[in-house]
Amino acid sequence: MEEKVVKAIQDEYPEDFAWCYGCGRLNDMGHHFRTGWQGEHTVTIYLPEPEHLALPGFVYGGLIASLIDCHGTGSAALALHRKNGHEPGEGAEPPRFVTASLNVNFLKPTPHGVPLKAIGTVHEIHPKKFKVETEVFANDSLCARGEVIAVVMPNTFLKKE
């Protein structure tokens, strides 16, 4: 049976913040990455589409960077949401994060046609700033590592009426 994320933090984002090309559930053209808890780690599982090729048989590195980016901000939101006493699916609006820094190291070519699994470890480095270390696997093969510094979304990102 294929793994999937059942309770994703992205499902809880309010409509104004659910448009990200990587993880926004309301962006019809986006990837719809979904991040949830797996024990004390975070996980995002994604099957690349045919258009996500670098060359036949291998995934485009930009998709992997996007996966690590959205997995990082989603993981930070999960961590702060849990710290605030909530879990996805309870109905409480989670905090929203943006990327302050993204670092990706490609370790080996990533095969196309298999689900990618991003596994994250979250470290709080400030009350509004988290570091998320992510490993991306294709089957059991580690293909990429990344680090995201995620910060709580500033109020200036909100629409002004």
N, C-alpha and C. Protein backbone atom coordinates (compact mmCIF):
# COMPACT_ATOMS: atom_id res chain seq x y z
N MET A 1 0.84 -1.18 0.00
CA MET A 1 0.00 0.00 0.00
C MET A 1 0.89 1.24 0.00
N GLU A 2 0.55 2.20 -0.85
CA GLU A 2 1.34 3.42 -0.97
C GLU A 2 1.11 4.35 0.22
N GLU A 3 2.21 4.91 0.73
CA GLU A 3 2.12 5.85 1.85
C GLU A 3 1.49 7.15 1.38
N LYS A 4 0.76 7.78 2.29
CA LYS A 4 0.25 9.12 2.00
C LYS A 4 0.10 9.88 3.31
N VAL A 5 0.07 11.19 3.20
CA VAL A 5 -0.12 12.06 4.36
C VAL A 5 -1.62 12.27 4.52
N VAL A 6 -2.15 11.86 5.66
CA VAL A 6 -3.59 11.95 5.89
C VAL A 6 -3.99 13.32 6.43
N LYS A 7 -3.30 13.79 7.47
CA LYS A 7 -3.62 15.10 8.07
C LYS A 7 -2.47 16.06 7.80
N ALA A 8 -2.62 16.85 6.74
CA ALA A 8 -1.57 17.78 6.32
C ALA A 8 -1.84 19.18 6.86
N ILE A 9 -0.77 19.87 7.23
CA ILE A 9 -0.90 21.24 7.72
C ILE A 9 -1.45 22.16 6.64
N GLN A 10 -1.13 21.88 5.38
CA GLN A 10 -1.60 22.74 4.28
C GLN A 10 -3.12 22.72 4.15
N ASP A 11 -3.77 21.64 4.60
CA ASP A 11 -5.23 21.57 4.56
C ASP A 11 -5.86 22.57 5.52
N GLU A 12 -5.08 23.05 6.50
CA GLU A 12 -5.58 23.96 7.52
C GLU A 12 -5.34 25.43 7.19
N TYR A 13 -4.51 25.72 6.17
CA TYR A 13 -4.21 27.11 5.85
C TYR A 13 -5.49 27.82 5.39
N PRO A 14 -5.72 29.06 5.87
CA PRO A 14 -6.89 29.80 5.39
C PRO A 14 -6.75 30.08 3.89
N GLU A 15 -7.88 30.34 3.26
CA GLU A 15 -7.90 30.51 1.80
C GLU A 15 -6.91 31.56 1.29
N ASP A 16 -6.74 32.65 2.02
CA ASP A 16 -5.81 33.70 1.57
C ASP A 16 -4.38 33.18 1.44
N PHE A 17 -4.04 32.11 2.18
CA PHE A 17 -2.67 31.60 2.20
C PHE A 17 -2.56 30.20 1.62
N ALA A 18 -3.49 29.81 0.78
CA ALA A 18 -3.51 28.45 0.22
C ALA A 18 -3.25 28.44 -1.28
N TRP A 19 -2.43 29.39 -1.76
CA TRP A 19 -2.20 29.55 -3.20
C TRP A 19 -0.78 29.24 -3.65
N CYS A 20 0.08 28.87 -2.74
CA CYS A 20 1.48 28.60 -3.09
C CYS A 20 1.54 27.58 -4.24
N TYR A 21 2.42 27.83 -5.20
CA TYR A 21 2.56 26.91 -6.32
C TYR A 21 3.01 25.52 -5.84
N GLY A 22 3.80 25.47 -4.78
CA GLY A 22 4.26 24.18 -4.28
C GLY A 22 3.25 23.46 -3.42
N CYS A 23 2.67 24.17 -2.45
CA CYS A 23 1.83 23.47 -1.46
C CYS A 23 0.42 24.01 -1.34
N GLY A 24 0.04 24.97 -2.16
CA GLY A 24 -1.29 25.55 -2.03
C GLY A 24 -2.38 24.65 -2.59
N ARG A 25 -3.33 24.30 -1.76
CA ARG A 25 -4.41 23.41 -2.19
C ARG A 25 -5.34 24.08 -3.19
N LEU A 26 -5.35 25.42 -3.24
CA LEU A 26 -6.24 26.14 -4.14
C LEU A 26 -5.60 26.51 -5.47
N ASN A 27 -4.33 26.21 -5.65
CA ASN A 27 -3.64 26.51 -6.90
C ASN A 27 -3.80 25.31 -7.83
N ASP A 28 -4.69 25.44 -8.80
CA ASP A 28 -4.99 24.32 -9.71
C ASP A 28 -3.78 23.83 -10.48
N MET A 29 -2.81 24.71 -10.72
CA MET A 29 -1.63 24.34 -11.50
C MET A 29 -0.47 23.87 -10.63
N GLY A 30 -0.60 23.96 -9.31
CA GLY A 30 0.51 23.68 -8.40
C GLY A 30 0.73 22.21 -8.12
N HIS A 31 1.73 21.95 -7.28
CA HIS A 31 2.13 20.58 -6.93
C HIS A 31 1.25 19.95 -5.85
N HIS A 32 0.68 20.76 -4.99
CA HIS A 32 -0.15 20.28 -3.87
C HIS A 32 0.63 19.40 -2.89
N PHE A 33 1.85 19.81 -2.55
CA PHE A 33 2.61 19.10 -1.52
C PHE A 33 1.82 19.14 -0.21
N ARG A 34 1.85 18.03 0.52
CA ARG A 34 1.12 17.91 1.79
C ARG A 34 2.08 17.38 2.85
N THR A 35 2.18 18.11 3.96
CA THR A 35 3.16 17.78 5.00
C THR A 35 2.45 17.45 6.31
N GLY A 36 2.85 16.33 6.91
CA GLY A 36 2.26 15.92 8.18
C GLY A 36 3.31 15.29 9.07
N TRP A 37 2.86 14.86 10.23
CA TRP A 37 3.75 14.21 11.20
C TRP A 37 3.88 12.73 10.90
N GLN A 38 5.07 12.21 11.12
CA GLN A 38 5.34 10.77 11.15
C GLN A 38 6.25 10.56 12.35
N GLY A 39 5.64 10.27 13.48
CA GLY A 39 6.40 10.21 14.73
C GLY A 39 6.86 11.61 15.08
N GLU A 40 8.14 11.76 15.36
CA GLU A 40 8.71 13.08 15.70
C GLU A 40 9.28 13.80 14.48
N HIS A 41 9.15 13.19 13.31
CA HIS A 41 9.63 13.80 12.07
C HIS A 41 8.43 14.24 11.24
N THR A 42 8.71 15.09 10.27
CA THR A 42 7.68 15.50 9.33
C THR A 42 7.90 14.75 8.02
N VAL A 43 6.83 14.61 7.25
CA VAL A 43 6.94 13.87 6.00
C VAL A 43 6.05 14.51 4.94
N THR A 44 6.58 14.52 3.71
CA THR A 44 5.83 14.90 2.52
C THR A 44 6.12 13.82 1.48
N ILE A 45 5.09 13.30 0.86
CA ILE A 45 5.26 12.28 -0.17
C ILE A 45 4.68 12.83 -1.47
N TYR A 46 5.45 12.71 -2.55
CA TYR A 46 5.02 13.29 -3.82
C TYR A 46 5.49 12.44 -4.99
N LEU A 47 4.59 12.17 -5.91
CA LEU A 47 4.93 11.45 -7.13
C LEU A 47 5.09 12.48 -8.26
N PRO A 48 6.33 12.69 -8.73
CA PRO A 48 6.54 13.66 -9.81
C PRO A 48 5.72 13.33 -11.05
N GLU A 49 5.27 14.38 -11.71
CA GLU A 49 4.48 14.25 -12.93
C GLU A 49 5.43 14.05 -14.13
N PRO A 50 4.89 13.64 -15.28
CA PRO A 50 5.73 13.44 -16.46
C PRO A 50 6.52 14.69 -16.86
N GLU A 51 5.97 15.87 -16.63
CA GLU A 51 6.65 17.12 -17.02
C GLU A 51 7.79 17.51 -16.07
N HIS A 52 8.01 16.75 -15.01
CA HIS A 52 9.05 17.08 -14.04
C HIS A 52 10.37 16.37 -14.34
N LEU A 53 10.66 16.18 -15.60
CA LEU A 53 11.90 15.51 -16.02
C LEU A 53 13.04 16.51 -16.20
N ALA A 54 14.24 16.07 -15.82
CA ALA A 54 15.46 16.79 -16.19
C ALA A 54 15.92 16.25 -17.54
N LEU A 55 15.89 14.92 -17.62
CA LEU A 55 16.13 14.17 -18.84
C LEU A 55 15.44 12.83 -18.63
N PRO A 56 15.20 12.08 -19.66
CA PRO A 56 14.42 10.85 -19.48
C PRO A 56 14.93 9.99 -18.33
N GLY A 57 14.00 9.68 -17.42
CA GLY A 57 14.31 8.81 -16.30
C GLY A 57 14.70 9.51 -15.02
N PHE A 58 14.88 10.84 -15.06
CA PHE A 58 15.35 11.54 -13.87
C PHE A 58 14.56 12.83 -13.60
N VAL A 59 14.36 13.12 -12.31
CA VAL A 59 13.57 14.27 -11.88
C VAL A 59 14.39 15.55 -11.98
N TYR A 60 13.74 16.60 -12.42
CA TYR A 60 14.28 17.95 -12.50
C TYR A 60 14.63 18.45 -11.10
N GLY A 61 15.82 18.98 -10.92
CA GLY A 61 16.28 19.44 -9.61
C GLY A 61 15.45 20.56 -9.03
N GLY A 62 14.86 21.40 -9.87
CA GLY A 62 14.01 22.48 -9.37
C GLY A 62 12.79 21.96 -8.62
N LEU A 63 12.27 20.83 -9.05
CA LEU A 63 11.14 20.23 -8.34
C LEU A 63 11.59 19.77 -6.96
N ILE A 64 12.76 19.19 -6.88
CA ILE A 64 13.29 18.72 -5.59
C ILE A 64 13.51 19.91 -4.66
N ALA A 65 14.04 21.01 -5.18
CA ALA A 65 14.23 22.22 -4.37
C ALA A 65 12.88 22.75 -3.89
N SER A 66 11.89 22.75 -4.76
CA SER A 66 10.55 23.19 -4.38
C SER A 66 9.96 22.30 -3.29
N LEU A 67 10.16 20.99 -3.43
CA LEU A 67 9.69 20.04 -2.42
C LEU A 67 10.33 20.34 -1.06
N ILE A 68 11.65 20.53 -1.05
CA ILE A 68 12.35 20.83 0.20
C ILE A 68 11.89 22.17 0.78
N ASP A 69 11.68 23.15 -0.07
CA ASP A 69 11.22 24.47 0.37
C ASP A 69 9.86 24.38 1.05
N CYS A 70 8.87 23.84 0.38
CA CYS A 70 7.52 23.76 0.95
C CYS A 70 7.46 22.78 2.12
N HIS A 71 8.24 21.72 2.06
CA HIS A 71 8.30 20.80 3.19
C HIS A 71 8.85 21.53 4.42
N GLY A 72 9.83 22.39 4.21
CA GLY A 72 10.43 23.14 5.31
C GLY A 72 9.45 24.11 5.96
N THR A 73 8.74 24.88 5.16
CA THR A 73 7.79 25.84 5.75
C THR A 73 6.61 25.11 6.38
N GLY A 74 6.15 24.03 5.74
CA GLY A 74 5.07 23.24 6.32
C GLY A 74 5.49 22.58 7.63
N SER A 75 6.72 22.10 7.68
CA SER A 75 7.24 21.47 8.90
C SER A 75 7.33 22.48 10.04
N ALA A 76 7.79 23.69 9.72
CA ALA A 76 7.87 24.73 10.74
C ALA A 76 6.47 25.06 11.27
N ALA A 77 5.49 25.13 10.36
CA ALA A 77 4.11 25.40 10.78
C ALA A 77 3.59 24.27 11.67
N LEU A 78 3.90 23.03 11.31
CA LEU A 78 3.49 21.90 12.16
C LEU A 78 4.10 22.02 13.55
N ALA A 79 5.38 22.33 13.62
CA ALA A 79 6.08 22.40 14.91
C ALA A 79 5.51 23.50 15.80
N LEU A 80 5.30 24.69 15.25
CA LEU A 80 4.76 25.78 16.06
C LEU A 80 3.30 25.51 16.42
N HIS A 81 2.56 24.92 15.50
CA HIS A 81 1.16 24.57 15.77
C HIS A 81 1.08 23.60 16.95
N ARG A 82 1.98 22.59 16.94
CA ARG A 82 2.03 21.62 18.04
C ARG A 82 2.46 22.32 19.34
N LYS A 83 3.45 23.18 19.24
CA LYS A 83 3.92 23.92 20.43
C LYS A 83 2.79 24.75 21.03
N ASN A 84 1.90 25.24 20.17
CA ASN A 84 0.74 26.03 20.61
C ASN A 84 -0.41 25.15 21.09
N GLY A 85 -0.20 23.82 21.10
CA GLY A 85 -1.21 22.90 21.63
C GLY A 85 -2.20 22.36 20.62
N HIS A 86 -1.86 22.42 19.32
CA HIS A 86 -2.80 21.99 18.28
C HIS A 86 -2.16 20.96 17.34
N GLU A 87 -3.02 20.23 16.66
CA GLU A 87 -2.62 19.28 15.63
C GLU A 87 -3.49 19.51 14.40
N PRO A 88 -3.00 19.17 13.20
CA PRO A 88 -3.85 19.28 12.01
C PRO A 88 -5.13 18.46 12.18
N GLY A 89 -6.22 19.02 11.70
CA GLY A 89 -7.50 18.34 11.77
C GLY A 89 -8.36 18.76 12.95
N GLU A 90 -7.79 19.54 13.87
CA GLU A 90 -8.56 19.99 15.04
C GLU A 90 -9.35 21.27 14.77
N GLY A 91 -9.09 21.92 13.65
CA GLY A 91 -9.83 23.12 13.30
C GLY A 91 -9.16 24.43 13.69
N ALA A 92 -8.07 24.39 14.43
CA ALA A 92 -7.37 25.63 14.80
C ALA A 92 -6.51 26.08 13.62
N GLU A 93 -6.55 27.38 13.35
CA GLU A 93 -5.74 27.92 12.25
C GLU A 93 -4.27 27.88 12.62
N PRO A 94 -3.44 27.27 11.77
CA PRO A 94 -2.02 27.18 12.08
C PRO A 94 -1.27 28.45 11.71
N PRO A 95 -0.07 28.61 12.27
CA PRO A 95 0.78 29.72 11.84
C PRO A 95 1.23 29.47 10.40
N ARG A 96 1.56 30.54 9.70
CA ARG A 96 2.03 30.42 8.32
C ARG A 96 3.46 30.92 8.28
N PHE A 97 4.32 30.21 7.56
CA PHE A 97 5.74 30.55 7.47
C PHE A 97 6.13 30.88 6.04
N VAL A 98 7.22 31.63 5.91
CA VAL A 98 7.86 31.90 4.62
C VAL A 98 9.33 31.51 4.73
N THR A 99 9.94 31.32 3.60
CA THR A 99 11.34 30.88 3.55
C THR A 99 12.27 32.08 3.65
N ALA A 100 13.19 32.00 4.62
CA ALA A 100 14.24 33.02 4.74
C ALA A 100 15.51 32.54 4.05
N SER A 101 15.72 31.22 4.04
CA SER A 101 16.92 30.65 3.44
C SER A 101 16.61 29.22 2.98
N LEU A 102 17.16 28.86 1.84
CA LEU A 102 16.99 27.51 1.29
C LEU A 102 18.35 27.03 0.78
N ASN A 103 18.76 25.87 1.25
CA ASN A 103 20.01 25.26 0.80
C ASN A 103 19.70 23.83 0.40
N VAL A 104 20.10 23.46 -0.82
CA VAL A 104 19.85 22.11 -1.33
C VAL A 104 21.15 21.49 -1.82
N ASN A 105 21.39 20.26 -1.40
CA ASN A 105 22.52 19.49 -1.88
C ASN A 105 21.99 18.24 -2.58
N PHE A 106 22.33 18.12 -3.86
CA PHE A 106 21.90 16.97 -4.64
C PHE A 106 22.98 15.89 -4.51
N LEU A 107 22.60 14.75 -3.99
CA LEU A 107 23.56 13.70 -3.69
C LEU A 107 23.71 12.68 -4.82
N LYS A 108 22.62 12.44 -5.52
CA LYS A 108 22.66 11.53 -6.68
C LYS A 108 21.45 11.81 -7.54
N PRO A 109 21.49 11.41 -8.80
CA PRO A 109 20.33 11.62 -9.66
C PRO A 109 19.09 10.96 -9.06
N THR A 110 17.97 11.67 -9.15
CA THR A 110 16.72 11.19 -8.57
C THR A 110 15.89 10.53 -9.66
N PRO A 111 15.60 9.25 -9.51
CA PRO A 111 14.84 8.55 -10.56
C PRO A 111 13.40 9.07 -10.64
N HIS A 112 12.91 9.14 -11.86
CA HIS A 112 11.52 9.54 -12.11
C HIS A 112 10.66 8.29 -12.08
N GLY A 113 9.38 8.46 -11.74
CA GLY A 113 8.45 7.34 -11.79
C GLY A 113 8.23 6.65 -10.46
N VAL A 114 8.87 7.14 -9.41
CA VAL A 114 8.66 6.59 -8.06
C VAL A 114 8.33 7.75 -7.13
N PRO A 115 7.55 7.49 -6.08
CA PRO A 115 7.25 8.56 -5.13
C PRO A 115 8.51 9.05 -4.43
N LEU A 116 8.56 10.36 -4.21
CA LEU A 116 9.63 10.97 -3.42
C LEU A 116 9.11 11.15 -2.01
N LYS A 117 9.97 10.90 -1.04
CA LYS A 117 9.59 11.06 0.36
C LYS A 117 10.57 12.01 1.02
N ALA A 118 10.05 13.17 1.44
CA ALA A 118 10.86 14.15 2.18
C ALA A 118 10.60 13.92 3.67
N ILE A 119 11.68 13.73 4.41
CA ILE A 119 11.59 13.52 5.86
C ILE A 119 12.33 14.66 6.53
N GLY A 120 11.64 15.35 7.44
CA GLY A 120 12.21 16.53 8.06
C GLY A 120 12.40 16.41 9.55
N THR A 121 13.43 17.10 10.02
CA THR A 121 13.71 17.27 11.44
C THR A 121 13.67 18.76 11.72
N VAL A 122 12.87 19.15 12.70
CA VAL A 122 12.63 20.56 12.99
C VAL A 122 13.39 20.98 14.24
N HIS A 123 14.05 22.14 14.13
CA HIS A 123 14.77 22.73 15.27
C HIS A 123 14.28 24.16 15.44
N GLU A 124 13.79 24.49 16.63
CA GLU A 124 13.41 25.87 16.91
C GLU A 124 14.68 26.64 17.24
N ILE A 125 14.90 27.74 16.53
CA ILE A 125 16.10 28.54 16.79
C ILE A 125 15.75 29.94 17.30
N HIS A 126 14.45 30.23 17.35
CA HIS A 126 13.94 31.51 17.83
C HIS A 126 12.42 31.32 17.91
N PRO A 127 11.71 32.06 18.74
CA PRO A 127 10.25 31.85 18.80
C PRO A 127 9.52 32.00 17.47
N LYS A 128 10.10 32.75 16.53
CA LYS A 128 9.46 32.93 15.22
C LYS A 128 10.32 32.42 14.07
N LYS A 129 11.31 31.58 14.38
CA LYS A 129 12.26 31.12 13.36
C LYS A 129 12.62 29.67 13.63
N PHE A 130 12.49 28.84 12.60
CA PHE A 130 12.78 27.42 12.72
C PHE A 130 13.73 26.99 11.61
N LYS A 131 14.58 26.01 11.93
CA LYS A 131 15.45 25.38 10.94
C LYS A 131 14.90 23.98 10.71
N VAL A 132 14.71 23.63 9.45
CA VAL A 132 14.21 22.30 9.09
C VAL A 132 15.24 21.63 8.19
N GLU A 133 15.75 20.50 8.67
CA GLU A 133 16.68 19.69 7.88
C GLU A 133 15.86 18.59 7.22
N THR A 134 16.02 18.46 5.90
CA THR A 134 15.20 17.53 5.13
C THR A 134 16.08 16.59 4.31
N GLU A 135 15.67 15.34 4.28
CA GLU A 135 16.27 14.35 3.39
C GLU A 135 15.20 13.87 2.42
N VAL A 136 15.56 13.78 1.15
CA VAL A 136 14.62 13.34 0.12
C VAL A 136 15.06 11.98 -0.40
N PHE A 137 14.16 11.03 -0.32
CA PHE A 137 14.41 9.66 -0.75
C PHE A 137 13.56 9.32 -1.96
N ALA A 138 14.12 8.52 -2.86
CA ALA A 138 13.38 7.86 -3.93
C ALA A 138 13.54 6.37 -3.64
N ASN A 139 12.44 5.70 -3.33
CA ASN A 139 12.50 4.36 -2.76
C ASN A 139 13.32 4.47 -1.48
N ASP A 140 14.34 3.68 -1.31
CA ASP A 140 15.17 3.76 -0.10
C ASP A 140 16.48 4.50 -0.34
N SER A 141 16.60 5.15 -1.48
CA SER A 141 17.84 5.81 -1.85
C SER A 141 17.79 7.31 -1.51
N LEU A 142 18.75 7.77 -0.71
CA LEU A 142 18.85 9.18 -0.36
C LEU A 142 19.39 9.95 -1.56
N CYS A 143 18.59 10.87 -2.08
CA CYS A 143 18.96 11.60 -3.30
C CYS A 143 19.34 13.05 -3.07
N ALA A 144 18.78 13.67 -2.03
CA ALA A 144 19.05 15.09 -1.77
C ALA A 144 18.89 15.38 -0.28
N ARG A 145 19.61 16.40 0.16
CA ARG A 145 19.47 16.94 1.51
C ARG A 145 19.26 18.43 1.38
N GLY A 146 18.48 18.97 2.28
CA GLY A 146 18.27 20.41 2.25
C GLY A 146 18.04 20.97 3.62
N GLU A 147 18.17 22.28 3.70
CA GLU A 147 17.91 23.00 4.95
C GLU A 147 17.11 24.25 4.60
N VAL A 148 16.05 24.46 5.37
CA VAL A 148 15.23 25.65 5.23
C VAL A 148 15.25 26.40 6.57
N ILE A 149 15.49 27.69 6.49
CA ILE A 149 15.24 28.56 7.63
C ILE A 149 13.90 29.22 7.31
N ALA A 150 12.92 28.92 8.16
CA ALA A 150 11.56 29.42 7.95
C ALA A 150 11.22 30.41 9.06
N VAL A 151 10.57 31.51 8.68
CA VAL A 151 10.17 32.52 9.64
C VAL A 151 8.65 32.71 9.57
N VAL A 152 8.07 33.06 10.71
CA VAL A 152 6.64 33.32 10.74
C VAL A 152 6.34 34.43 9.73
N MET A 153 5.30 34.21 8.93
CA MET A 153 4.95 35.17 7.89
C MET A 153 4.65 36.53 8.50
N PRO A 154 5.34 37.57 8.02
CA PRO A 154 5.08 38.91 8.57
C PRO A 154 3.68 39.41 8.20
N ASN A 155 3.14 40.27 9.03
CA ASN A 155 1.81 40.84 8.76
C ASN A 155 1.78 41.60 7.45
N THR A 156 2.92 42.06 6.95
CA THR A 156 2.93 42.82 5.69
C THR A 156 2.54 41.95 4.51
N PHE A 157 2.50 40.62 4.67
CA PHE A 157 2.08 39.73 3.60
C PHE A 157 0.55 39.70 3.48
N LEU A 158 -0.15 40.19 4.50
CA LEU A 158 -1.60 40.16 4.48
C LEU A 158 -2.12 41.20 3.51
N LYS A 159 -3.25 40.86 2.86
CA LYS A 159 -3.88 41.82 1.96
C LYS A 159 -4.37 43.03 2.73
N LYS A 160 -4.20 44.18 2.12
CA LYS A 160 -4.68 45.41 2.73
C LYS A 160 -5.97 45.82 2.01
N GLU A 161 -6.99 46.05 2.77
CA GLU A 161 -8.30 46.44 2.17
C GLU A 161 -8.35 47.94 1.96
